[in-house]
Amino acid sequence: PREGNMVISTTTKAMLVARTVNEACGGK
């Protein structure tokens, strides 16, 4: 529903977030 962009607009951006979180939390 956001018509500019959503905060996680692409799967590659989602991957970067996931990697960053996993580095902080440990594991995958």
mmCIF file of all heavy atoms, coordinates in Angstrom:
data_MODEL
# 
_entry.id   MODEL 
# 
loop_
_atom_site.group_PDB 
_atom_site.id 
_atom_site.type_symbol 
_atom_site.label_atom_id 
_atom_site.label_alt_id 
_atom_site.label_comp_id 
_atom_site.label_asym_id 
_atom_site.label_entity_id 
_atom_site.label_seq_id 
_atom_site.pdbx_PDB_ins_code 
_atom_site.Cartn_x 
_atom_site.Cartn_y 
_atom_site.Cartn_z 
_atom_site.occupancy 
_atom_site.B_iso_or_equiv 
_atom_site.pdbx_formal_charge 
_atom_site.auth_seq_id 
_atom_site.auth_comp_id 
_atom_site.auth_asym_id 
_atom_site.auth_atom_id 
_atom_site.pdbx_PDB_model_num 
ATOM 1   N N   . PRO A 1 1  ? 0.772  -1.227  0.000  1.00 0.00 ? 1  PRO A N   1 
ATOM 2   C CA  . PRO A 1 1  ? 0.000  0.000   0.000  1.00 0.00 ? 1  PRO A CA  1 
ATOM 3   C C   . PRO A 1 1  ? 0.812  1.292   0.000  1.00 0.00 ? 1  PRO A C   1 
ATOM 4   O O   . PRO A 1 1  ? 0.278  2.347   -0.343 1.00 0.00 ? 1  PRO A O   1 
ATOM 5   C CB  . PRO A 1 1  ? -0.825 -0.105  1.277  1.00 0.00 ? 1  PRO A CB  1 
ATOM 6   C CG  . PRO A 1 1  ? 0.001  -0.954  2.186  1.00 0.00 ? 1  PRO A CG  1 
ATOM 7   C CD  . PRO A 1 1  ? 0.660  -1.952  1.285  1.00 0.00 ? 1  PRO A CD  1 
ATOM 8   N N   . ARG A 1 2  ? 2.059  1.283   0.418  1.00 0.00 ? 2  ARG A N   1 
ATOM 9   C CA  . ARG A 1 2  ? 2.899  2.469   0.257  1.00 0.00 ? 2  ARG A CA  1 
ATOM 10  C C   . ARG A 1 2  ? 3.164  2.670   -1.231 1.00 0.00 ? 2  ARG A C   1 
ATOM 11  O O   . ARG A 1 2  ? 3.575  1.747   -1.923 1.00 0.00 ? 2  ARG A O   1 
ATOM 12  C CB  . ARG A 1 2  ? 4.222  2.295   1.013  1.00 0.00 ? 2  ARG A CB  1 
ATOM 13  C CG  . ARG A 1 2  ? 4.071  2.438   2.519  1.00 0.00 ? 2  ARG A CG  1 
ATOM 14  C CD  . ARG A 1 2  ? 3.666  3.845   2.911  1.00 0.00 ? 2  ARG A CD  1 
ATOM 15  N NE  . ARG A 1 2  ? 3.785  4.069   4.344  1.00 0.00 ? 2  ARG A NE  1 
ATOM 16  C CZ  . ARG A 1 2  ? 3.666  5.268   4.914  1.00 0.00 ? 2  ARG A CZ  1 
ATOM 17  N NH1 . ARG A 1 2  ? 3.411  6.337   4.175  1.00 0.00 ? 2  ARG A NH1 1 
ATOM 18  N NH2 . ARG A 1 2  ? 3.797  5.396   6.226  1.00 0.00 ? 2  ARG A NH2 1 
ATOM 19  N N   . GLU A 1 3  ? 2.935  3.864   -1.739 1.00 0.00 ? 3  GLU A N   1 
ATOM 20  C CA  . GLU A 1 3  ? 3.015  4.063   -3.184 1.00 0.00 ? 3  GLU A CA  1 
ATOM 21  C C   . GLU A 1 3  ? 4.307  4.716   -3.651 1.00 0.00 ? 3  GLU A C   1 
ATOM 22  O O   . GLU A 1 3  ? 4.515  4.894   -4.848 1.00 0.00 ? 3  GLU A O   1 
ATOM 23  C CB  . GLU A 1 3  ? 1.810  4.882   -3.679 1.00 0.00 ? 3  GLU A CB  1 
ATOM 24  C CG  . GLU A 1 3  ? 0.484  4.137   -3.558 1.00 0.00 ? 3  GLU A CG  1 
ATOM 25  C CD  . GLU A 1 3  ? 0.421  2.836   -4.362 1.00 0.00 ? 3  GLU A CD  1 
ATOM 26  O OE1 . GLU A 1 3  ? 1.344  2.572   -5.144 1.00 0.00 ? 3  GLU A OE1 1 
ATOM 27  O OE2 . GLU A 1 3  ? -0.553 2.083   -4.180 1.00 0.00 ? 3  GLU A OE2 1 
ATOM 28  N N   . GLY A 1 4  ? 5.185  5.077   -2.716 1.00 0.00 ? 4  GLY A N   1 
ATOM 29  C CA  . GLY A 1 4  ? 6.541  5.452   -3.112 1.00 0.00 ? 4  GLY A CA  1 
ATOM 30  C C   . GLY A 1 4  ? 7.338  4.158   -3.168 1.00 0.00 ? 4  GLY A C   1 
ATOM 31  O O   . GLY A 1 4  ? 7.499  3.545   -4.220 1.00 0.00 ? 4  GLY A O   1 
ATOM 32  N N   . ASN A 1 5  ? 7.806  3.732   -2.022 1.00 0.00 ? 5  ASN A N   1 
ATOM 33  C CA  . ASN A 1 5  ? 8.429  2.421   -1.844 1.00 0.00 ? 5  ASN A CA  1 
ATOM 34  C C   . ASN A 1 5  ? 8.097  1.917   -0.456 1.00 0.00 ? 5  ASN A C   1 
ATOM 35  O O   . ASN A 1 5  ? 7.850  2.704   0.469  1.00 0.00 ? 5  ASN A O   1 
ATOM 36  C CB  . ASN A 1 5  ? 9.947  2.500   -1.966 1.00 0.00 ? 5  ASN A CB  1 
ATOM 37  C CG  . ASN A 1 5  ? 10.476 2.313   -3.384 1.00 0.00 ? 5  ASN A CG  1 
ATOM 38  O OD1 . ASN A 1 5  ? 11.647 2.522   -3.638 1.00 0.00 ? 5  ASN A OD1 1 
ATOM 39  N ND2 . ASN A 1 5  ? 9.627  1.909   -4.316 1.00 0.00 ? 5  ASN A ND2 1 
ATOM 40  N N   . MET A 1 6  ? 8.119  0.608   -0.300 1.00 0.00 ? 6  MET A N   1 
ATOM 41  C CA  . MET A 1 6  ? 8.116  0.025   1.027  1.00 0.00 ? 6  MET A CA  1 
ATOM 42  C C   . MET A 1 6  ? 9.552  -0.002  1.539  1.00 0.00 ? 6  MET A C   1 
ATOM 43  O O   . MET A 1 6  ? 10.501 0.046   0.754  1.00 0.00 ? 6  MET A O   1 
ATOM 44  C CB  . MET A 1 6  ? 7.520  -1.384  0.986  1.00 0.00 ? 6  MET A CB  1 
ATOM 45  C CG  . MET A 1 6  ? 6.010  -1.367  0.854  1.00 0.00 ? 6  MET A CG  1 
ATOM 46  S SD  . MET A 1 6  ? 5.293  -2.999  0.564  1.00 0.00 ? 6  MET A SD  1 
ATOM 47  C CE  . MET A 1 6  ? 6.118  -3.958  1.817  1.00 0.00 ? 6  MET A CE  1 
ATOM 48  N N   . VAL A 1 7  ? 9.722  -0.087  2.844  1.00 0.00 ? 7  VAL A N   1 
ATOM 49  C CA  . VAL A 1 7  ? 11.067 -0.016  3.423  1.00 0.00 ? 7  VAL A CA  1 
ATOM 50  C C   . VAL A 1 7  ? 11.954 -1.152  2.909  1.00 0.00 ? 7  VAL A C   1 
ATOM 51  O O   . VAL A 1 7  ? 13.152 -0.966  2.712  1.00 0.00 ? 7  VAL A O   1 
ATOM 52  C CB  . VAL A 1 7  ? 10.998 -0.005  4.969  1.00 0.00 ? 7  VAL A CB  1 
ATOM 53  C CG1 . VAL A 1 7  ? 10.432 -1.305  5.517  1.00 0.00 ? 7  VAL A CG1 1 
ATOM 54  C CG2 . VAL A 1 7  ? 12.369 0.275   5.575  1.00 0.00 ? 7  VAL A CG2 1 
ATOM 55  N N   . ILE A 1 8  ? 11.365 -2.320  2.675  1.00 0.00 ? 8  ILE A N   1 
ATOM 56  C CA  . ILE A 1 8  ? 12.108 -3.443  2.084  1.00 0.00 ? 8  ILE A CA  1 
ATOM 57  C C   . ILE A 1 8  ? 11.525 -3.670  0.697  1.00 0.00 ? 8  ILE A C   1 
ATOM 58  O O   . ILE A 1 8  ? 10.612 -4.476  0.500  1.00 0.00 ? 8  ILE A O   1 
ATOM 59  C CB  . ILE A 1 8  ? 12.018 -4.707  2.962  1.00 0.00 ? 8  ILE A CB  1 
ATOM 60  C CG1 . ILE A 1 8  ? 12.544 -4.415  4.362  1.00 0.00 ? 8  ILE A CG1 1 
ATOM 61  C CG2 . ILE A 1 8  ? 12.804 -5.857  2.337  1.00 0.00 ? 8  ILE A CG2 1 
ATOM 62  C CD1 . ILE A 1 8  ? 14.011 -3.956  4.394  1.00 0.00 ? 8  ILE A CD1 1 
ATOM 63  N N   . SER A 1 9  ? 12.048 -2.931  -0.254 1.00 0.00 ? 9  SER A N   1 
ATOM 64  C CA  . SER A 1 9  ? 11.454 -2.876  -1.594 1.00 0.00 ? 9  SER A CA  1 
ATOM 65  C C   . SER A 1 9  ? 11.895 -4.016  -2.497 1.00 0.00 ? 9  SER A C   1 
ATOM 66  O O   . SER A 1 9  ? 11.193 -4.353  -3.450 1.00 0.00 ? 9  SER A O   1 
ATOM 67  C CB  . SER A 1 9  ? 11.798 -1.536  -2.257 1.00 0.00 ? 9  SER A CB  1 
ATOM 68  O OG  . SER A 1 9  ? 13.197 -1.283  -2.157 1.00 0.00 ? 9  SER A OG  1 
ATOM 69  N N   . THR A 1 10 ? 13.040 -4.597  -2.238 1.00 0.00 ? 10 THR A N   1 
ATOM 70  C CA  . THR A 1 10 ? 13.553 -5.671  -3.091 1.00 0.00 ? 10 THR A CA  1 
ATOM 71  C C   . THR A 1 10 ? 14.069 -6.823  -2.233 1.00 0.00 ? 10 THR A C   1 
ATOM 72  O O   . THR A 1 10 ? 14.453 -6.636  -1.073 1.00 0.00 ? 10 THR A O   1 
ATOM 73  C CB  . THR A 1 10 ? 14.710 -5.179  -3.977 1.00 0.00 ? 10 THR A CB  1 
ATOM 74  O OG1 . THR A 1 10 ? 15.846 -4.867  -3.160 1.00 0.00 ? 10 THR A OG1 1 
ATOM 75  C CG2 . THR A 1 10 ? 14.301 -3.945  -4.786 1.00 0.00 ? 10 THR A CG2 1 
ATOM 76  N N   . THR A 1 11 ? 14.129 -8.003  -2.823 1.00 0.00 ? 11 THR A N   1 
ATOM 77  C CA  . THR A 1 11 ? 14.621 -9.169  -2.097 1.00 0.00 ? 11 THR A CA  1 
ATOM 78  C C   . THR A 1 11 ? 16.108 -9.053  -1.790 1.00 0.00 ? 11 THR A C   1 
ATOM 79  O O   . THR A 1 11 ? 16.564 -9.548  -0.751 1.00 0.00 ? 11 THR A O   1 
ATOM 80  C CB  . THR A 1 11 ? 14.319 -10.449 -2.893 1.00 0.00 ? 11 THR A CB  1 
ATOM 81  O OG1 . THR A 1 11 ? 12.892 -10.572 -3.010 1.00 0.00 ? 11 THR A OG1 1 
ATOM 82  C CG2 . THR A 1 11 ? 14.865 -11.690 -2.200 1.00 0.00 ? 11 THR A CG2 1 
ATOM 83  N N   . THR A 1 12 ? 16.858 -8.389  -2.649 1.00 0.00 ? 12 THR A N   1 
ATOM 84  C CA  . THR A 1 12 ? 18.283 -8.202  -2.348 1.00 0.00 ? 12 THR A CA  1 
ATOM 85  C C   . THR A 1 12 ? 18.461 -7.325  -1.107 1.00 0.00 ? 12 THR A C   1 
ATOM 86  O O   . THR A 1 12 ? 19.352 -7.578  -0.289 1.00 0.00 ? 12 THR A O   1 
ATOM 87  C CB  . THR A 1 12 ? 19.022 -7.597  -3.555 1.00 0.00 ? 12 THR A CB  1 
ATOM 88  O OG1 . THR A 1 12 ? 18.259 -6.508  -4.098 1.00 0.00 ? 12 THR A OG1 1 
ATOM 89  C CG2 . THR A 1 12 ? 19.245 -8.619  -4.635 1.00 0.00 ? 12 THR A CG2 1 
ATOM 90  N N   . LYS A 1 13 ? 17.614 -6.312  -0.957 1.00 0.00 ? 13 LYS A N   1 
ATOM 91  C CA  . LYS A 1 13 ? 17.668 -5.490  0.253  1.00 0.00 ? 13 LYS A CA  1 
ATOM 92  C C   . LYS A 1 13 ? 17.271 -6.323  1.471  1.00 0.00 ? 13 LYS A C   1 
ATOM 93  O O   . LYS A 1 13 ? 17.883 -6.203  2.551  1.00 0.00 ? 13 LYS A O   1 
ATOM 94  C CB  . LYS A 1 13 ? 16.754 -4.270  0.115  1.00 0.00 ? 13 LYS A CB  1 
ATOM 95  C CG  . LYS A 1 13 ? 16.909 -3.236  1.227  1.00 0.00 ? 13 LYS A CG  1 
ATOM 96  C CD  . LYS A 1 13 ? 16.078 -1.994  0.939  1.00 0.00 ? 13 LYS A CD  1 
ATOM 97  C CE  . LYS A 1 13 ? 16.287 -0.933  2.015  1.00 0.00 ? 13 LYS A CE  1 
ATOM 98  N NZ  . LYS A 1 13 ? 15.462 0.282   1.760  1.00 0.00 ? 13 LYS A NZ  1 
ATOM 99  N N   . ALA A 1 14 ? 16.282 -7.185  1.303  1.00 0.00 ? 14 ALA A N   1 
ATOM 100 C CA  . ALA A 1 14 ? 15.879 -8.084  2.390  1.00 0.00 ? 14 ALA A CA  1 
ATOM 101 C C   . ALA A 1 14 ? 17.032 -8.986  2.798  1.00 0.00 ? 14 ALA A C   1 
ATOM 102 O O   . ALA A 1 14 ? 17.236 -9.263  3.988  1.00 0.00 ? 14 ALA A O   1 
ATOM 103 C CB  . ALA A 1 14 ? 14.675 -8.915  1.960  1.00 0.00 ? 14 ALA A CB  1 
ATOM 104 N N   . MET A 1 15 ? 17.801 -9.452  1.813  1.00 0.00 ? 15 MET A N   1 
ATOM 105 C CA  . MET A 1 15 ? 18.956 -10.309 2.106  1.00 0.00 ? 15 MET A CA  1 
ATOM 106 C C   . MET A 1 15 ? 20.001 -9.564  2.928  1.00 0.00 ? 15 MET A C   1 
ATOM 107 O O   . MET A 1 15 ? 20.602 -10.124 3.853  1.00 0.00 ? 15 MET A O   1 
ATOM 108 C CB  . MET A 1 15 ? 19.580 -10.817 0.809  1.00 0.00 ? 15 MET A CB  1 
ATOM 109 C CG  . MET A 1 15 ? 18.745 -11.818 0.047  1.00 0.00 ? 15 MET A CG  1 
ATOM 110 S SD  . MET A 1 15 ? 19.561 -12.271 -1.504 1.00 0.00 ? 15 MET A SD  1 
ATOM 111 C CE  . MET A 1 15 ? 18.198 -13.002 -2.400 1.00 0.00 ? 15 MET A CE  1 
ATOM 112 N N   . LEU A 1 16 ? 20.230 -8.300  2.597  1.00 0.00 ? 16 LEU A N   1 
ATOM 113 C CA  . LEU A 1 16 ? 21.196 -7.509  3.362  1.00 0.00 ? 16 LEU A CA  1 
ATOM 114 C C   . LEU A 1 16 ? 20.756 -7.351  4.817  1.00 0.00 ? 16 LEU A C   1 
ATOM 115 O O   . LEU A 1 16 ? 21.566 -7.454  5.738  1.00 0.00 ? 16 LEU A O   1 
ATOM 116 C CB  . LEU A 1 16 ? 21.374 -6.126  2.712  1.00 0.00 ? 16 LEU A CB  1 
ATOM 117 C CG  . LEU A 1 16 ? 22.223 -6.065  1.451  1.00 0.00 ? 16 LEU A CG  1 
ATOM 118 C CD1 . LEU A 1 16 ? 22.124 -4.682  0.812  1.00 0.00 ? 16 LEU A CD1 1 
ATOM 119 C CD2 . LEU A 1 16 ? 23.687 -6.382  1.766  1.00 0.00 ? 16 LEU A CD2 1 
ATOM 120 N N   . VAL A 1 17 ? 19.447 -7.109  5.000  1.00 0.00 ? 17 VAL A N   1 
ATOM 121 C CA  . VAL A 1 17 ? 18.923 -6.994  6.364  1.00 0.00 ? 17 VAL A CA  1 
ATOM 122 C C   . VAL A 1 17 ? 19.106 -8.318  7.110  1.00 0.00 ? 17 VAL A C   1 
ATOM 123 O O   . VAL A 1 17 ? 19.560 -8.344  8.253  1.00 0.00 ? 17 VAL A O   1 
ATOM 124 C CB  . VAL A 1 17 ? 17.431 -6.574  6.350  1.00 0.00 ? 17 VAL A CB  1 
ATOM 125 C CG1 . VAL A 1 17 ? 16.836 -6.653  7.754  1.00 0.00 ? 17 VAL A CG1 1 
ATOM 126 C CG2 . VAL A 1 17 ? 17.285 -5.156  5.795  1.00 0.00 ? 17 VAL A CG2 1 
ATOM 127 N N   . ALA A 1 18 ? 18.768 -9.433  6.447  1.00 0.00 ? 18 ALA A N   1 
ATOM 128 C CA  . ALA A 1 18 ? 18.894 -10.741 7.085  1.00 0.00 ? 18 ALA A CA  1 
ATOM 129 C C   . ALA A 1 18 ? 20.338 -11.040 7.462  1.00 0.00 ? 18 ALA A C   1 
ATOM 130 O O   . ALA A 1 18 ? 20.615 -11.538 8.568  1.00 0.00 ? 18 ALA A O   1 
ATOM 131 C CB  . ALA A 1 18 ? 18.341 -11.827 6.164  1.00 0.00 ? 18 ALA A CB  1 
ATOM 132 N N   . ARG A 1 19 ? 21.268 -10.748 6.572  1.00 0.00 ? 19 ARG A N   1 
ATOM 133 C CA  . ARG A 1 19 ? 22.691 -10.982 6.882  1.00 0.00 ? 19 ARG A CA  1 
ATOM 134 C C   . ARG A 1 19 ? 23.145 -10.141 8.060  1.00 0.00 ? 19 ARG A C   1 
ATOM 135 O O   . ARG A 1 19 ? 23.877 -10.617 8.942  1.00 0.00 ? 19 ARG A O   1 
ATOM 136 C CB  . ARG A 1 19 ? 23.565 -10.656 5.658  1.00 0.00 ? 19 ARG A CB  1 
ATOM 137 C CG  . ARG A 1 19 ? 23.591 -11.735 4.614  1.00 0.00 ? 19 ARG A CG  1 
ATOM 138 C CD  . ARG A 1 19 ? 24.740 -11.572 3.659  1.00 0.00 ? 19 ARG A CD  1 
ATOM 139 N NE  . ARG A 1 19 ? 26.027 -11.796 4.303  1.00 0.00 ? 19 ARG A NE  1 
ATOM 140 C CZ  . ARG A 1 19 ? 27.183 -11.871 3.655  1.00 0.00 ? 19 ARG A CZ  1 
ATOM 141 N NH1 . ARG A 1 19 ? 27.210 -11.756 2.332  1.00 0.00 ? 19 ARG A NH1 1 
ATOM 142 N NH2 . ARG A 1 19 ? 28.313 -12.082 4.291  1.00 0.00 ? 19 ARG A NH2 1 
ATOM 143 N N   . THR A 1 20 ? 22.720 -8.888  8.074  1.00 0.00 ? 20 THR A N   1 
ATOM 144 C CA  . THR A 1 20 ? 23.101 -7.982  9.161  1.00 0.00 ? 20 THR A CA  1 
ATOM 145 C C   . THR A 1 20 ? 22.560 -8.476  10.499 1.00 0.00 ? 20 THR A C   1 
ATOM 146 O O   . THR A 1 20 ? 23.258 -8.482  11.519 1.00 0.00 ? 20 THR A O   1 
ATOM 147 C CB  . THR A 1 20 ? 22.593 -6.559  8.873  1.00 0.00 ? 20 THR A CB  1 
ATOM 148 O OG1 . THR A 1 20 ? 23.151 -6.100  7.637  1.00 0.00 ? 20 THR A OG1 1 
ATOM 149 C CG2 . THR A 1 20 ? 22.964 -5.592  9.979  1.00 0.00 ? 20 THR A CG2 1 
ATOM 150 N N   . VAL A 1 21 ? 21.294 -8.894  10.495 1.00 0.00 ? 21 VAL A N   1 
ATOM 151 C CA  . VAL A 1 21 ? 20.675 -9.402  11.721 1.00 0.00 ? 21 VAL A CA  1 
ATOM 152 C C   . VAL A 1 21 ? 21.348 -10.695 12.170 1.00 0.00 ? 21 VAL A C   1 
ATOM 153 O O   . VAL A 1 21 ? 21.621 -10.889 13.370 1.00 0.00 ? 21 VAL A O   1 
ATOM 154 C CB  . VAL A 1 21 ? 19.160 -9.605  11.512 1.00 0.00 ? 21 VAL A CB  1 
ATOM 155 C CG1 . VAL A 1 21 ? 18.552 -10.395 12.672 1.00 0.00 ? 21 VAL A CG1 1 
ATOM 156 C CG2 . VAL A 1 21 ? 18.460 -8.258  11.359 1.00 0.00 ? 21 VAL A CG2 1 
ATOM 157 N N   . ASN A 1 22 ? 21.640 -11.581 11.234 1.00 0.00 ? 22 ASN A N   1 
ATOM 158 C CA  . ASN A 1 22 ? 22.290 -12.845 11.594 1.00 0.00 ? 22 ASN A CA  1 
ATOM 159 C C   . ASN A 1 22 ? 23.690 -12.618 12.161 1.00 0.00 ? 22 ASN A C   1 
ATOM 160 O O   . ASN A 1 22 ? 24.122 -13.339 13.072 1.00 0.00 ? 22 ASN A O   1 
ATOM 161 C CB  . ASN A 1 22 ? 22.355 -13.773 10.376 1.00 0.00 ? 22 ASN A CB  1 
ATOM 162 C CG  . ASN A 1 22 ? 21.012 -14.410 10.060 1.00 0.00 ? 22 ASN A CG  1 
ATOM 163 O OD1 . ASN A 1 22 ? 20.167 -14.553 10.937 1.00 0.00 ? 22 ASN A OD1 1 
ATOM 164 N ND2 . ASN A 1 22 ? 20.802 -14.779 8.815  1.00 0.00 ? 22 ASN A ND2 1 
ATOM 165 N N   . GLU A 1 23 ? 24.402 -11.637 11.638 1.00 0.00 ? 23 GLU A N   1 
ATOM 166 C CA  . GLU A 1 23 ? 25.717 -11.305 12.188 1.00 0.00 ? 23 GLU A CA  1 
ATOM 167 C C   . GLU A 1 23 ? 25.592 -10.821 13.632 1.00 0.00 ? 23 GLU A C   1 
ATOM 168 O O   . GLU A 1 23 ? 26.431 -11.134 14.481 1.00 0.00 ? 23 GLU A O   1 
ATOM 169 C CB  . GLU A 1 23 ? 26.391 -10.237 11.318 1.00 0.00 ? 23 GLU A CB  1 
ATOM 170 C CG  . GLU A 1 23 ? 26.892 -10.771 9.981  1.00 0.00 ? 23 GLU A CG  1 
ATOM 171 C CD  . GLU A 1 23 ? 27.305 -9.660  9.028  1.00 0.00 ? 23 GLU A CD  1 
ATOM 172 O OE1 . GLU A 1 23 ? 27.266 -8.472  9.446  1.00 0.00 ? 23 GLU A OE1 1 
ATOM 173 O OE2 . GLU A 1 23 ? 27.652 -9.958  7.877  1.00 0.00 ? 23 GLU A OE2 1 
ATOM 174 N N   . ALA A 1 24 ? 24.519 -10.060 13.904 1.00 0.00 ? 24 ALA A N   1 
ATOM 175 C CA  . ALA A 1 24 ? 24.312 -9.538  15.257 1.00 0.00 ? 24 ALA A CA  1 
ATOM 176 C C   . ALA A 1 24 ? 23.835 -10.620 16.218 1.00 0.00 ? 24 ALA A C   1 
ATOM 177 O O   . ALA A 1 24 ? 24.210 -10.624 17.397 1.00 0.00 ? 24 ALA A O   1 
ATOM 178 C CB  . ALA A 1 24 ? 23.295 -8.396  15.217 1.00 0.00 ? 24 ALA A CB  1 
ATOM 179 N N   . CYS A 1 25 ? 23.020 -11.552 15.708 1.00 0.00 ? 25 CYS A N   1 
ATOM 180 C CA  . CYS A 1 25 ? 22.412 -12.568 16.580 1.00 0.00 ? 25 CYS A CA  1 
ATOM 181 C C   . CYS A 1 25 ? 23.198 -13.875 16.601 1.00 0.00 ? 25 CYS A C   1 
ATOM 182 O O   . CYS A 1 25 ? 22.988 -14.700 17.499 1.00 0.00 ? 25 CYS A O   1 
ATOM 183 C CB  . CYS A 1 25 ? 20.975 -12.859 16.112 1.00 0.00 ? 25 CYS A CB  1 
ATOM 184 S SG  . CYS A 1 25 ? 19.860 -11.451 16.220 1.00 0.00 ? 25 CYS A SG  1 
ATOM 185 N N   . GLY A 1 26 ? 24.046 -14.083 15.619 1.00 0.00 ? 26 GLY A N   1 
ATOM 186 C CA  . GLY A 1 26 ? 24.745 -15.352 15.482 1.00 0.00 ? 26 GLY A CA  1 
ATOM 187 C C   . GLY A 1 26 ? 23.881 -16.366 14.757 1.00 0.00 ? 26 GLY A C   1 
ATOM 188 O O   . GLY A 1 26 ? 22.663 -16.381 14.895 1.00 0.00 ? 26 GLY A O   1 
ATOM 189 N N   . GLY A 1 27 ? 24.514 -17.190 13.935 1.00 0.00 ? 27 GLY A N   1 
ATOM 190 C CA  . GLY A 1 27 ? 23.772 -18.207 13.198 1.00 0.00 ? 27 GLY A CA  1 
ATOM 191 C C   . GLY A 1 27 ? 23.124 -17.657 11.940 1.00 0.00 ? 27 GLY A C   1 
ATOM 192 O O   . GLY A 1 27 ? 23.406 -16.537 11.494 1.00 0.00 ? 27 GLY A O   1 
ATOM 193 N N   . LYS A 1 28 ? 22.236 -18.458 11.374 1.00 0.00 ? 28 LYS A N   1 
ATOM 194 C CA  . LYS A 1 28 ? 21.532 -18.075 10.141 1.00 0.00 ? 28 LYS A CA  1 
ATOM 195 C C   . LYS A 1 28 ? 20.041 -18.343 10.288 1.00 0.00 ? 28 LYS A C   1 
ATOM 196 O O   . LYS A 1 28 ? 19.406 -18.940 9.420  1.00 0.00 ? 28 LYS A O   1 
ATOM 197 C CB  . LYS A 1 28 ? 22.085 -18.865 8.947  1.00 0.00 ? 28 LYS A CB  1 
ATOM 198 C CG  . LYS A 1 28 ? 23.505 -18.495 8.563  1.00 0.00 ? 28 LYS A CG  1 
ATOM 199 C CD  . LYS A 1 28 ? 23.938 -19.229 7.302  1.00 0.00 ? 28 LYS A CD  1 
ATOM 200 C CE  . LYS A 1 28 ? 25.345 -18.814 6.887  1.00 0.00 ? 28 LYS A CE  1 
ATOM 201 N NZ  . LYS A 1 28 ? 25.777 -19.503 5.644  1.00 0.00 ? 28 LYS A NZ  1 
# 
